[in-house]
Amino acid sequence: PAPEPAPATPRSAPPLAATLPLGAASPAIPPPAVLGVEKAPDFTPPPGRTASSARIPIAKVGTRVSGDELITSLFEAMHDLHFLRDAIEGADFCLQLAQEVIPSRACFAHFFDLEKREFCLVRAKGEATDDLVGKRHLEAEPILSAAVKARKAMVRGSEDAMTARYTTIGGAKSLVVAPVLVAGRTLAILEMVNPNDGAPYTQDEANAMTYIAEQFAEFLSSRGLVFDHGRAGR
């Protein structure tokens, strides 16, 4: 009998790994983080975890902490940052924590508006500082631009005493200014003004603010920026 013909071989069969069951949805690809958004990202923190309820493990609240105790306090406390909802809550948390370890007359958080090339003051703590929220400063403003160039927290003295935002507290005697960097870009700046005990800020405290800024940068890289002045003021 004649031999049976060999079965036909498909000329262009797709690889097995590339096929999906009929009707199956394609795998979802997560969108990149959006910076400069006007609306808070859709994120809900676990119950009870907010900036104001974060536990800050510091032995003597209201006194300046130094050396190993300063770093240990920050390392333990910063974990709660990543349970917060958005950039405004994150900024509030970072300033609150900085005030706990370095009690100061005032502190500020600025976000960088890339479209307008301005820094917007979104959070303020201290006496007579509420009216400053929403104020904008040029990218070239001397103190803020110096922080951008420094790439880490810097200590400055009374040469900046009468910068407009410091006049509400009688001028600046000592400052520590920390840029918040994401992928090499400055997205925010944190400022501390005038320690409560009158002594100038130390390099240890500048290093502590650099650490806070680094953790805030990690937070912003996933949450993005939110310019919501009404919530910041409250």
C-alpha atoms as a PDB file:
ATOM      1  CA  PRO A   1       0.000   0.000   0.000  1.00  0.00           C
ATOM      2  CA  ALA A   2       1.123   3.560  -0.626  1.00  0.00           C
ATOM      3  CA  PRO A   3       2.631   5.333   2.439  1.00  0.00           C
ATOM      4  CA  GLU A   4       0.349   7.788   4.248  1.00  0.00           C
ATOM      5  CA  PRO A   5       1.270  11.487   3.650  1.00  0.00           C
ATOM      6  CA  ALA A   6       2.981  13.259   6.543  1.00  0.00           C
ATOM      7  CA  PRO A   7       0.721  15.650   8.505  1.00  0.00           C
ATOM      8  CA  ALA A   8       0.924  19.243   7.331  1.00  0.00           C
ATOM      9  CA  THR A   9       3.064  21.547   9.498  1.00  0.00           C
ATOM     10  CA  PRO A  10       1.739  25.074  10.079  1.00  0.00           C
ATOM     11  CA  ARG A  11       4.059  27.629   8.551  1.00  0.00           C
ATOM     12  CA  SER A  12       3.599  30.377  11.160  1.00  0.00           C
ATOM     13  CA  ALA A  13       2.318  28.956  14.449  1.00  0.00           C
ATOM     14  CA  PRO A  14       2.694  31.518  17.270  1.00  0.00           C
ATOM     15  CA  PRO A  15       4.944  30.594  20.215  1.00  0.00           C
ATOM     16  CA  LEU A  16       2.992  28.902  23.002  1.00  0.00           C
ATOM     17  CA  ALA A  17       4.139  31.454  25.568  1.00  0.00           C
ATOM     18  CA  ALA A  18       2.673  34.290  23.528  1.00  0.00           C
ATOM     19  CA  THR A  19      -0.857  32.884  23.373  1.00  0.00           C
ATOM     20  CA  LEU A  20      -3.690  33.764  25.754  1.00  0.00           C
ATOM     21  CA  PRO A  21      -6.919  31.833  26.458  1.00  0.00           C
ATOM     22  CA  LEU A  22      -9.834  33.006  24.365  1.00  0.00           C
ATOM     23  CA  GLY A  23     -11.455  36.048  25.995  1.00  0.00           C
ATOM     24  CA  ALA A  24      -8.613  36.604  28.508  1.00  0.00           C
ATOM     25  CA  ALA A  25      -7.652  40.210  29.234  1.00  0.00           C
ATOM     26  CA  SER A  26      -4.148  41.434  28.426  1.00  0.00           C
ATOM     27  CA  PRO A  27      -1.873  41.903  31.446  1.00  0.00           C
ATOM     28  CA  ALA A  28      -2.267  45.368  32.980  1.00  0.00           C
ATOM     29  CA  ILE A  29       0.747  47.680  32.842  1.00  0.00           C
ATOM     30  CA  PRO A  30       0.845  50.094  35.792  1.00  0.00           C
ATOM     31  CA  PRO A  31       1.000  53.782  34.773  1.00  0.00           C
ATOM     32  CA  PRO A  32       4.039  55.852  35.795  1.00  0.00           C
ATOM     33  CA  ALA A  33       3.766  58.248  38.721  1.00  0.00           C
ATOM     34  CA  VAL A  34       2.470  61.682  37.703  1.00  0.00           C
ATOM     35  CA  LEU A  35       4.228  64.746  39.084  1.00  0.00           C
ATOM     36  CA  GLY A  36       2.554  68.115  39.440  1.00  0.00           C
ATOM     37  CA  VAL A  37      -1.019  66.831  39.546  1.00  0.00           C
ATOM     38  CA  GLU A  38      -3.794  68.996  40.965  1.00  0.00           C
ATOM     39  CA  LYS A  39      -5.757  66.088  42.442  1.00  0.00           C
ATOM     40  CA  ALA A  40      -4.653  63.720  45.187  1.00  0.00           C
ATOM     41  CA  PRO A  41      -3.786  60.201  43.974  1.00  0.00           C
ATOM     42  CA  ASP A  42      -6.359  57.510  44.782  1.00  0.00           C
ATOM     43  CA  PHE A  43      -4.707  56.037  47.841  1.00  0.00           C
ATOM     44  CA  THR A  44      -6.271  55.126  51.170  1.00  0.00           C
ATOM     45  CA  PRO A  45      -4.002  54.697  54.213  1.00  0.00           C
ATOM     46  CA  PRO A  46      -4.663  51.933  56.729  1.00  0.00           C
ATOM     47  CA  PRO A  47      -7.179  52.946  59.431  1.00  0.00           C
ATOM     48  CA  GLY A  48      -5.766  55.289  62.050  1.00  0.00           C
ATOM     49  CA  ARG A  49      -2.540  56.102  60.179  1.00  0.00           C
ATOM     50  CA  THR A  50      -2.294  59.839  59.546  1.00  0.00           C
ATOM     51  CA  ALA A  51       0.381  62.472  59.886  1.00  0.00           C
ATOM     52  CA  SER A  52      -0.980  63.651  63.227  1.00  0.00           C
ATOM     53  CA  SER A  53      -1.228  60.156  64.705  1.00  0.00           C
ATOM     54  CA  ALA A  54       2.252  58.954  63.755  1.00  0.00           C
ATOM     55  CA  ARG A  55       4.181  57.670  66.757  1.00  0.00           C
ATOM     56  CA  ILE A  56       7.499  59.483  67.146  1.00  0.00           C
ATOM     57  CA  PRO A  57       9.742  57.533  69.554  1.00  0.00           C
ATOM     58  CA  ILE A  58      11.729  60.361  71.132  1.00  0.00           C
ATOM     59  CA  ALA A  59      12.625  60.282  74.811  1.00  0.00           C
ATOM     60  CA  LYS A  60      12.421  64.024  75.486  1.00  0.00           C
ATOM     61  CA  VAL A  61       9.872  65.652  73.215  1.00  0.00           C
ATOM     62  CA  GLY A  62      10.513  69.377  72.825  1.00  0.00           C
ATOM     63  CA  THR A  63      14.288  69.185  73.322  1.00  0.00           C
ATOM     64  CA  ARG A  64      16.963  69.047  70.637  1.00  0.00           C
ATOM     65  CA  VAL A  65      18.209  65.525  69.990  1.00  0.00           C
ATOM     66  CA  SER A  66      21.795  64.909  68.902  1.00  0.00           C
ATOM     67  CA  GLY A  67      24.249  62.198  67.885  1.00  0.00           C
ATOM     68  CA  ASP A  68      23.150  58.575  67.666  1.00  0.00           C
ATOM     69  CA  GLU A  69      19.821  59.315  69.383  1.00  0.00           C
ATOM     70  CA  LEU A  70      18.907  61.728  66.590  1.00  0.00           C
ATOM     71  CA  ILE A  71      19.520  59.202  63.806  1.00  0.00           C
ATOM     72  CA  THR A  72      17.843  56.364  65.730  1.00  0.00           C
ATOM     73  CA  SER A  73      14.743  58.469  66.387  1.00  0.00           C
ATOM     74  CA  LEU A  74      14.421  59.401  62.731  1.00  0.00           C
ATOM     75  CA  PHE A  75      15.047  55.883  61.437  1.00  0.00           C
ATOM     76  CA  GLU A  76      12.271  54.427  63.574  1.00  0.00           C
ATOM     77  CA  ALA A  77       9.789  57.258  62.986  1.00  0.00           C
ATOM     78  CA  MET A  78      10.132  57.602  59.202  1.00  0.00           C
ATOM     79  CA  HIS A  79       8.493  54.208  58.568  1.00  0.00           C
ATOM     80  CA  ASP A  80       5.069  55.794  59.165  1.00  0.00           C
ATOM     81  CA  LEU A  81       5.593  58.249  56.301  1.00  0.00           C
ATOM     82  CA  HIS A  82       4.849  55.567  53.708  1.00  0.00           C
ATOM     83  CA  PHE A  83       1.354  54.912  55.120  1.00  0.00           C
ATOM     84  CA  LEU A  84       0.186  58.449  54.337  1.00  0.00           C
ATOM     85  CA  ARG A  85      -2.122  59.445  51.504  1.00  0.00           C
ATOM     86  CA  ASP A  86      -0.443  62.145  49.443  1.00  0.00           C
ATOM     87  CA  ALA A  87       2.279  64.773  49.200  1.00  0.00           C
ATOM     88  CA  ILE A  88       0.554  67.292  51.493  1.00  0.00           C
ATOM     89  CA  GLU A  89       0.229  64.747  54.300  1.00  0.00           C
ATOM     90  CA  GLY A  90       3.809  63.661  53.644  1.00  0.00           C
ATOM     91  CA  ALA A  91       5.098  67.222  53.923  1.00  0.00           C
ATOM     92  CA  ASP A  92       3.122  67.740  57.129  1.00  0.00           C
ATOM     93  CA  PHE A  93       4.579  64.551  58.590  1.00  0.00           C
ATOM     94  CA  CYS A  94       8.171  65.515  57.700  1.00  0.00           C
ATOM     95  CA  LEU A  95       7.842  68.986  59.237  1.00  0.00           C
ATOM     96  CA  GLN A  96       6.168  67.586  62.347  1.00  0.00           C
ATOM     97  CA  LEU A  97       8.946  65.059  62.782  1.00  0.00           C
ATOM     98  CA  ALA A  98      11.641  67.685  62.227  1.00  0.00           C
ATOM     99  CA  GLN A  99       9.981  69.879  64.874  1.00  0.00           C
ATOM    100  CA  GLU A 100      10.047  66.973  67.317  1.00  0.00           C
ATOM    101  CA  VAL A 101      13.788  66.404  67.022  1.00  0.00           C
ATOM    102  CA  ILE A 102      14.822  70.020  66.292  1.00  0.00           C
ATOM    103  CA  PRO A 103      12.264  72.315  67.996  1.00  0.00           C
ATOM    104  CA  SER A 104      12.177  75.534  65.950  1.00  0.00           C
ATOM    105  CA  ARG A 105      10.231  78.782  65.624  1.00  0.00           C
ATOM    106  CA  ALA A 106       9.030  77.917  62.120  1.00  0.00           C
ATOM    107  CA  CYS A 107       9.361  75.389  59.339  1.00  0.00           C
ATOM    108  CA  PHE A 108       8.223  75.335  55.714  1.00  0.00           C
ATOM    109  CA  ALA A 109       7.698  72.902  52.849  1.00  0.00           C
ATOM    110  CA  HIS A 110       7.931  74.163  49.261  1.00  0.00           C
ATOM    111  CA  PHE A 111       6.926  72.175  46.150  1.00  0.00           C
ATOM    112  CA  PHE A 112       8.476  72.985  42.792  1.00  0.00           C
ATOM    113  CA  ASP A 113       6.003  73.900  40.051  1.00  0.00           C
ATOM    114  CA  LEU A 114       7.867  72.775  36.937  1.00  0.00           C
ATOM    115  CA  GLU A 115       5.454  74.465  34.523  1.00  0.00           C
ATOM    116  CA  LYS A 116       5.846  77.908  36.115  1.00  0.00           C
ATOM    117  CA  ARG A 117       9.450  77.397  37.317  1.00  0.00           C
ATOM    118  CA  GLU A 118       8.449  78.532  40.824  1.00  0.00           C
ATOM    119  CA  PHE A 119       8.493  77.140  44.332  1.00  0.00           C
ATOM    120  CA  CYS A 120       5.093  77.084  46.009  1.00  0.00           C
ATOM    121  CA  LEU A 121       4.966  77.135  49.820  1.00  0.00           C
ATOM    122  CA  VAL A 122       2.425  74.387  50.576  1.00  0.00           C
ATOM    123  CA  ARG A 123       2.910  73.774  54.307  1.00  0.00           C
ATOM    124  CA  ALA A 124       3.993  76.016  57.200  1.00  0.00           C
ATOM    125  CA  LYS A 125       4.311  75.474  60.943  1.00  0.00           C
ATOM    126  CA  GLY A 126       5.015  78.101  63.591  1.00  0.00           C
ATOM    127  CA  GLU A 127       3.641  81.380  64.907  1.00  0.00           C
ATOM    128  CA  ALA A 128       1.981  83.692  62.359  1.00  0.00           C
ATOM    129  CA  THR A 129       2.875  81.469  59.397  1.00  0.00           C
ATOM    130  CA  ASP A 130      -0.596  80.409  58.154  1.00  0.00           C
ATOM    131  CA  ASP A 131      -0.862  83.341  55.729  1.00  0.00           C
ATOM    132  CA  LEU A 132       2.315  82.190  53.978  1.00  0.00           C
ATOM    133  CA  VAL A 133       0.720  79.018  52.581  1.00  0.00           C
ATOM    134  CA  GLY A 134       0.220  79.411  48.840  1.00  0.00           C
ATOM    135  CA  LYS A 135       2.959  82.032  48.432  1.00  0.00           C
ATOM    136  CA  ARG A 136       5.240  81.497  45.452  1.00  0.00           C
ATOM    137  CA  HIS A 137       8.954  82.159  45.098  1.00  0.00           C
ATOM    138  CA  LEU A 138      11.043  82.369  41.958  1.00  0.00           C
ATOM    139  CA  GLU A 139      13.275  79.419  41.125  1.00  0.00           C
ATOM    140  CA  ALA A 140      16.218  81.834  41.405  1.00  0.00           C
ATOM    141  CA  GLU A 141      15.341  82.979  44.958  1.00  0.00           C
ATOM    142  CA  PRO A 142      18.777  83.008  46.678  1.00  0.00           C
ATOM    143  CA  ILE A 143      18.105  80.593  49.556  1.00  0.00           C
ATOM    144  CA  LEU A 144      16.086  78.075  47.564  1.00  0.00           C
ATOM    145  CA  SER A 145      18.433  78.117  44.572  1.00  0.00           C
ATOM    146  CA  ALA A 146      21.426  77.641  46.902  1.00  0.00           C
ATOM    147  CA  ALA A 147      19.744  74.537  48.343  1.00  0.00           C
ATOM    148  CA  VAL A 148      19.187  73.173  44.832  1.00  0.00           C
ATOM    149  CA  LYS A 149      22.879  73.646  44.019  1.00  0.00           C
ATOM    150  CA  ALA A 150      24.013  72.133  47.333  1.00  0.00           C
ATOM    151  CA  ARG A 151      22.124  68.848  46.638  1.00  0.00           C
ATOM    152  CA  LYS A 152      21.890  68.236  50.399  1.00  0.00           C
ATOM    153  CA  ALA A 153      20.783  70.092  53.524  1.00  0.00           C
ATOM    154  CA  MET A 154      22.806  73.199  54.295  1.00  0.00           C
ATOM    155  CA  VAL A 155      23.111  75.436  57.364  1.00  0.00           C
ATOM    156  CA  ARG A 156      22.903  79.187  56.850  1.00  0.00           C
ATOM    157  CA  GLY A 157      23.153  82.119  59.231  1.00  0.00           C
ATOM    158  CA  SER A 158      21.792  85.620  59.724  1.00  0.00           C
ATOM    159  CA  GLU A 159      22.686  86.825  56.203  1.00  0.00           C
ATOM    160  CA  ASP A 160      19.176  85.693  55.278  1.00  0.00           C
ATOM    161  CA  ALA A 161      17.538  87.384  58.270  1.00  0.00           C
ATOM    162  CA  MET A 162      14.988  89.570  56.510  1.00  0.00           C
ATOM    163  CA  THR A 163      13.871  87.338  53.655  1.00  0.00           C
ATOM    164  CA  ALA A 164      10.127  88.056  53.382  1.00  0.00           C
ATOM    165  CA  ARG A 165       8.815  84.742  54.759  1.00  0.00           C
ATOM    166  CA  TYR A 166      10.993  85.077  57.874  1.00  0.00           C
ATOM    167  CA  THR A 167       9.830  88.559  58.869  1.00  0.00           C
ATOM    168  CA  THR A 168       6.679  87.132  60.480  1.00  0.00           C
ATOM    169  CA  ILE A 169       8.888  85.576  63.172  1.00  0.00           C
ATOM    170  CA  GLY A 170      11.206  88.581  63.501  1.00  0.00           C
ATOM    171  CA  GLY A 171      13.829  87.467  60.990  1.00  0.00           C
ATOM    172  CA  ALA A 172      16.085  84.444  60.671  1.00  0.00           C
ATOM    173  CA  LYS A 173      19.118  83.858  62.864  1.00  0.00           C
ATOM    174  CA  SER A 174      19.839  80.293  61.768  1.00  0.00           C
ATOM    175  CA  LEU A 175      18.444  78.135  58.961  1.00  0.00           C
ATOM    176  CA  VAL A 176      18.719  74.574  57.735  1.00  0.00           C
ATOM    177  CA  VAL A 177      17.428  74.072  54.184  1.00  0.00           C
ATOM    178  CA  ALA A 178      17.073  70.601  52.623  1.00  0.00           C
ATOM    179  CA  PRO A 179      16.303  69.864  48.944  1.00  0.00           C
ATOM    180  CA  VAL A 180      14.134  66.835  48.119  1.00  0.00           C
ATOM    181  CA  LEU A 181      15.612  65.141  45.044  1.00  0.00           C
ATOM    182  CA  VAL A 182      13.913  62.598  42.761  1.00  0.00           C
ATOM    183  CA  ALA A 183      16.008  61.232  39.871  1.00  0.00           C
ATOM    184  CA  GLY A 184      18.374  64.178  40.287  1.00  0.00           C
ATOM    185  CA  ARG A 185      15.605  66.805  40.122  1.00  0.00           C
ATOM    186  CA  THR A 186      14.589  69.005  43.053  1.00  0.00           C
ATOM    187  CA  LEU A 187      10.849  68.502  43.584  1.00  0.00           C
ATOM    188  CA  ALA A 188      10.565  70.084  47.030  1.00  0.00           C
ATOM    189  CA  ILE A 189      12.519  71.931  49.735  1.00  0.00           C
ATOM    190  CA  LEU A 190      12.148  71.684  53.522  1.00  0.00           C
ATOM    191  CA  GLU A 191      13.207  74.606  55.737  1.00  0.00           C
ATOM    192  CA  MET A 192      13.755  74.938  59.483  1.00  0.00           C
ATOM    193  CA  VAL A 193      14.101  78.442  60.969  1.00  0.00           C
ATOM    194  CA  ASN A 194      15.526  79.534  64.352  1.00  0.00           C
ATOM    195  CA  PRO A 195      15.961  76.754  66.957  1.00  0.00           C
ATOM    196  CA  ASN A 196      13.883  77.434  70.067  1.00  0.00           C
ATOM    197  CA  ASP A 197      16.933  77.416  72.360  1.00  0.00           C
ATOM    198  CA  GLY A 198      18.665  80.185  70.380  1.00  0.00           C
ATOM    199  CA  ALA A 199      21.740  78.149  69.439  1.00  0.00           C
ATOM    200  CA  PRO A 200      22.496  77.766  65.714  1.00  0.00           C
ATOM    201  CA  TYR A 201      21.730  74.563  63.823  1.00  0.00           C
ATOM    202  CA  THR A 202      24.509  71.968  63.756  1.00  0.00           C
ATOM    203  CA  GLN A 203      25.895  69.819  60.950  1.00  0.00           C
ATOM    204  CA  ASP A 204      24.353  66.773  62.656  1.00  0.00           C
ATOM    205  CA  GLU A 205      20.958  68.432  62.337  1.00  0.00           C
ATOM    206  CA  ALA A 206      21.633  69.250  58.680  1.00  0.00           C
ATOM    207  CA  ASN A 207      22.471  65.568  58.129  1.00  0.00           C
ATOM    208  CA  ALA A 208      19.212  64.631  59.842  1.00  0.00           C
ATOM    209  CA  MET A 209      17.269  66.925  57.493  1.00  0.00           C
ATOM    210  CA  THR A 210      19.068  65.354  54.524  1.00  0.00           C
ATOM    211  CA  TYR A 211      17.827  61.953  55.718  1.00  0.00           C
ATOM    212  CA  ILE A 212      14.241  63.227  56.109  1.00  0.00           C
ATOM    213  CA  ALA A 213      14.429  64.753  52.617  1.00  0.00           C
ATOM    214  CA  GLU A 214      15.705  61.466  51.142  1.00  0.00           C
ATOM    215  CA  GLN A 215      12.813  59.532  52.638  1.00  0.00           C
ATOM    216  CA  PHE A 216      10.332  62.163  51.465  1.00  0.00           C
ATOM    217  CA  ALA A 217      11.833  61.897  47.964  1.00  0.00           C
ATOM    218  CA  GLU A 218      11.172  58.154  47.958  1.00  0.00           C
ATOM    219  CA  PHE A 219       7.585  58.855  49.027  1.00  0.00           C
ATOM    220  CA  LEU A 220       7.067  61.478  46.291  1.00  0.00           C
ATOM    221  CA  SER A 221       8.441  59.197  43.602  1.00  0.00           C
ATOM    222  CA  SER A 222       5.363  56.987  44.049  1.00  0.00           C
ATOM    223  CA  ARG A 223       2.730  59.551  45.117  1.00  0.00           C
ATOM    224  CA  GLY A 224       3.568  62.585  42.946  1.00  0.00           C
ATOM    225  CA  LEU A 225       3.068  66.231  43.903  1.00  0.00           C
ATOM    226  CA  VAL A 226      -0.245  67.786  44.973  1.00  0.00           C
ATOM    227  CA  PHE A 227      -0.807  71.546  45.022  1.00  0.00           C
ATOM    228  CA  ASP A 228      -3.865  71.850  47.263  1.00  0.00           C
ATOM    229  CA  HIS A 229      -3.553  75.038  49.292  1.00  0.00           C
ATOM    230  CA  GLY A 230      -6.894  74.712  51.055  1.00  0.00           C
ATOM    231  CA  ARG A 231      -5.941  71.351  52.576  1.00  0.00           C
ATOM    232  CA  ALA A 232      -2.436  72.590  53.350  1.00  0.00           C
ATOM    233  CA  GLY A 233      -3.823  75.546  55.280  1.00  0.00           C
ATOM    234  CA  ARG A 234      -6.135  73.350  57.345  1.00  0.00           C
END
